[in-house]
C-alpha cells in the first residue's frame, strides 16, 4: 500500500494490520487514524529508524535480498517505473537482464570527465557500456 485510499479500502475490507513496501508518511498517518498496526518495508538504517520513530510496530526488510541484479526485480512490484541508479558498464547488463526498466550510469560512466579528466577513458567506458547492453 502506498496511499491513504488503499489503507481505507483495506480497513473497509476488515484488515487488522497493514504491510507496505516502503515508509510512506500518508500511509502511516492513515493507519494511525484507524488504529491499524503498520509494518512498512525498509532497506536502509535510516528508513528503519524513520519507521520506528513513526510508531510502526515492526519493520520488514524490503527487498529481502541484498542489493544486486535481484534488487530491481523486487522493487518493480510496488515501484514499476523506478530505474536503478549508480550502475557501471560492468553491472548494467545484469541489472537489465534481471528486470530493471532502466539503469542510471552517471558517475560510473563519467568518472572524472566532467572535471577535466581523461576523455579517452570516458570513451572506453562508453563503449563498454554500449557493448554490455547491446
Protein backbone atom coordinates (compact mmCIF):
# COMPACT_ATOMS: atom_id res chain seq x y z
CA UNK A 1 0.00 0.00 0.00
CA UNK A 2 1.26 3.40 -0.95
CA UNK A 3 -1.72 5.67 -0.25
CA UNK A 4 -4.30 6.55 2.38
CA UNK A 5 -7.02 5.44 -0.05
CA UNK A 6 -5.51 1.96 -0.10
CA UNK A 7 -5.49 1.94 3.71
CA UNK A 8 -9.17 2.97 3.68
CA UNK A 9 -10.00 0.12 1.30
CA UNK A 10 -8.07 -2.39 3.40
CA UNK A 11 -9.76 -1.19 6.60
CA UNK A 12 -13.18 -1.41 4.94
CA UNK A 13 -12.37 -4.98 3.93
CA UNK A 14 -11.55 -5.86 7.53
CA UNK A 15 -7.77 -5.61 7.60
CA UNK A 16 -6.30 -5.85 11.09
CA UNK A 17 -2.85 -4.55 10.07
CA UNK A 18 -1.12 -3.06 7.01
CA UNK A 19 2.10 -4.10 5.28
CA UNK A 20 3.79 -1.74 2.81
CA UNK A 21 6.91 -1.88 0.61
CA UNK A 22 8.19 1.44 1.97
CA UNK A 23 7.91 4.01 4.72
CA UNK A 24 5.14 6.32 3.44
CA UNK A 25 4.00 9.13 5.74
CA UNK A 26 0.50 9.25 4.25
CA UNK A 27 0.02 5.54 4.91
CA UNK A 28 1.43 5.78 8.44
CA UNK A 29 -0.94 8.65 9.25
CA UNK A 30 -3.93 6.78 7.82
CA UNK A 31 -3.05 3.65 9.78
CA UNK A 32 -2.63 5.61 13.00
CA UNK A 33 -6.01 7.32 12.47
CA UNK A 34 -7.69 3.94 12.05
CA UNK A 35 -5.78 2.14 14.80
CA UNK A 36 -4.19 -0.27 12.32
CA UNK A 37 -0.68 -1.51 13.10
CA UNK A 38 1.74 -0.77 10.25
CA UNK A 39 4.63 -2.96 9.14
CA UNK A 40 6.47 -0.99 6.44
CA UNK A 41 9.29 -2.19 4.26
CA UNK A 42 12.68 -0.58 4.79
CA UNK A 43 16.09 -1.23 3.27
CA UNK A 44 18.41 1.28 4.91
CA UNK A 45 19.10 2.02 8.56
CA UNK A 46 17.62 5.49 8.02
CA UNK A 47 14.36 4.01 6.75
CA UNK A 48 14.20 1.55 9.66
CA UNK A 49 14.75 4.37 12.16
CA UNK A 50 12.10 6.53 10.47
CA UNK A 51 9.59 3.70 10.60
CA UNK A 52 10.20 3.03 14.27
CA UNK A 53 10.09 6.75 15.12
CA UNK A 54 6.77 6.91 13.30
CA UNK A 55 5.26 4.33 15.64
CA UNK A 56 5.41 1.24 13.43
CA UNK A 57 5.09 -1.99 15.38
CA UNK A 58 7.68 -3.78 13.25
CA UNK A 59 9.68 -3.29 10.08
CA UNK A 60 10.30 -5.76 7.28
CA UNK A 61 13.43 -5.60 5.17
CA UNK A 62 12.41 -4.93 1.60
CA UNK A 63 13.66 -6.20 -0.64
CA UNK A 64 14.96 -9.11 1.41
CA UNK A 65 17.78 -9.97 -0.96
CA UNK A 66 20.99 -7.94 -0.89
CA UNK A 67 21.44 -5.22 -3.47
CA UNK A 68 22.43 -6.56 -6.87
CA UNK A 69 20.56 -7.60 -10.00
CA UNK A 70 17.72 -9.11 -7.95
CA UNK A 71 17.10 -5.79 -6.19
CA UNK A 72 15.36 -4.00 -9.10
CA UNK A 73 13.19 -7.04 -9.73
CA UNK A 74 11.89 -6.90 -6.16
CA UNK A 75 11.36 -3.14 -6.35
CA UNK A 76 9.44 -3.33 -9.64
CA UNK A 77 6.45 -4.90 -7.86
CA UNK A 78 5.47 -1.84 -5.85
CA UNK A 79 7.51 0.69 -7.89
CA UNK A 80 7.26 -0.44 -11.54
CA UNK A 81 8.78 2.66 -13.12
CA UNK A 82 11.83 3.23 -10.93
CA UNK A 83 15.19 2.77 -12.65
CA UNK A 84 18.33 1.55 -10.92
CA UNK A 85 20.98 4.22 -10.31
CA UNK A 86 24.74 4.16 -9.84
CA UNK A 87 25.33 1.26 -12.19
CA UNK A 88 28.53 0.95 -14.18
CA UNK A 89 29.08 -0.75 -17.51
CA UNK A 90 30.09 -3.98 -15.78
CA UNK A 91 26.75 -4.28 -13.94
CA UNK A 92 24.34 -2.75 -16.47
CA UNK A 93 23.62 -5.91 -18.47
CA UNK A 94 22.95 -8.00 -15.35
CA UNK A 95 20.52 -5.44 -13.95
CA UNK A 96 18.66 -5.09 -17.25
CA UNK A 97 18.50 -8.87 -17.68
CA UNK A 98 17.11 -9.17 -14.14
CA UNK A 99 14.25 -6.83 -14.98
CA UNK A 100 15.38 -3.26 -14.33
CA UNK A 101 13.40 -0.89 -16.56
CA UNK A 102 16.47 1.31 -16.96
CA UNK A 103 19.85 1.88 -15.38
CA UNK A 104 21.43 5.13 -14.24
CA UNK A 105 25.08 5.14 -15.25
CA UNK A 106 26.03 8.75 -14.44
CA UNK A 107 29.04 8.69 -12.14
CA UNK A 108 30.34 5.24 -13.05
CA UNK A 109 30.26 6.21 -16.71
CA UNK A 110 31.51 9.79 -16.46
CA UNK A 111 34.22 9.25 -13.89
CA UNK A 112 36.36 12.40 -13.73
CA UNK A 113 35.47 13.58 -17.26
CA UNK A 114 33.26 16.45 -16.06
CA UNK A 115 36.12 17.83 -14.00
CA UNK A 116 38.50 17.87 -16.97
CA UNK A 117 39.54 14.23 -16.66
CA UNK A 118 40.68 11.87 -19.36
CA UNK A 119 38.18 11.82 -22.23
CA UNK A 120 39.79 8.76 -23.75
CA UNK A 121 38.90 6.84 -20.59
CA UNK A 122 35.34 8.13 -20.89
CA UNK A 123 35.20 6.82 -24.47
CA UNK A 124 36.40 3.41 -23.29
CA UNK A 125 33.72 3.30 -20.56
CA UNK A 126 31.03 4.43 -23.02
CA UNK A 127 31.98 1.71 -25.49
CA UNK A 128 31.99 -0.88 -22.70
CA UNK A 129 28.51 0.23 -21.64
CA UNK A 130 27.18 0.11 -25.19
CA UNK A 131 28.60 -3.39 -25.69
CA UNK A 132 27.28 -4.60 -22.35
CA UNK A 133 23.69 -3.64 -23.10
CA UNK A 134 23.59 -4.34 -26.85
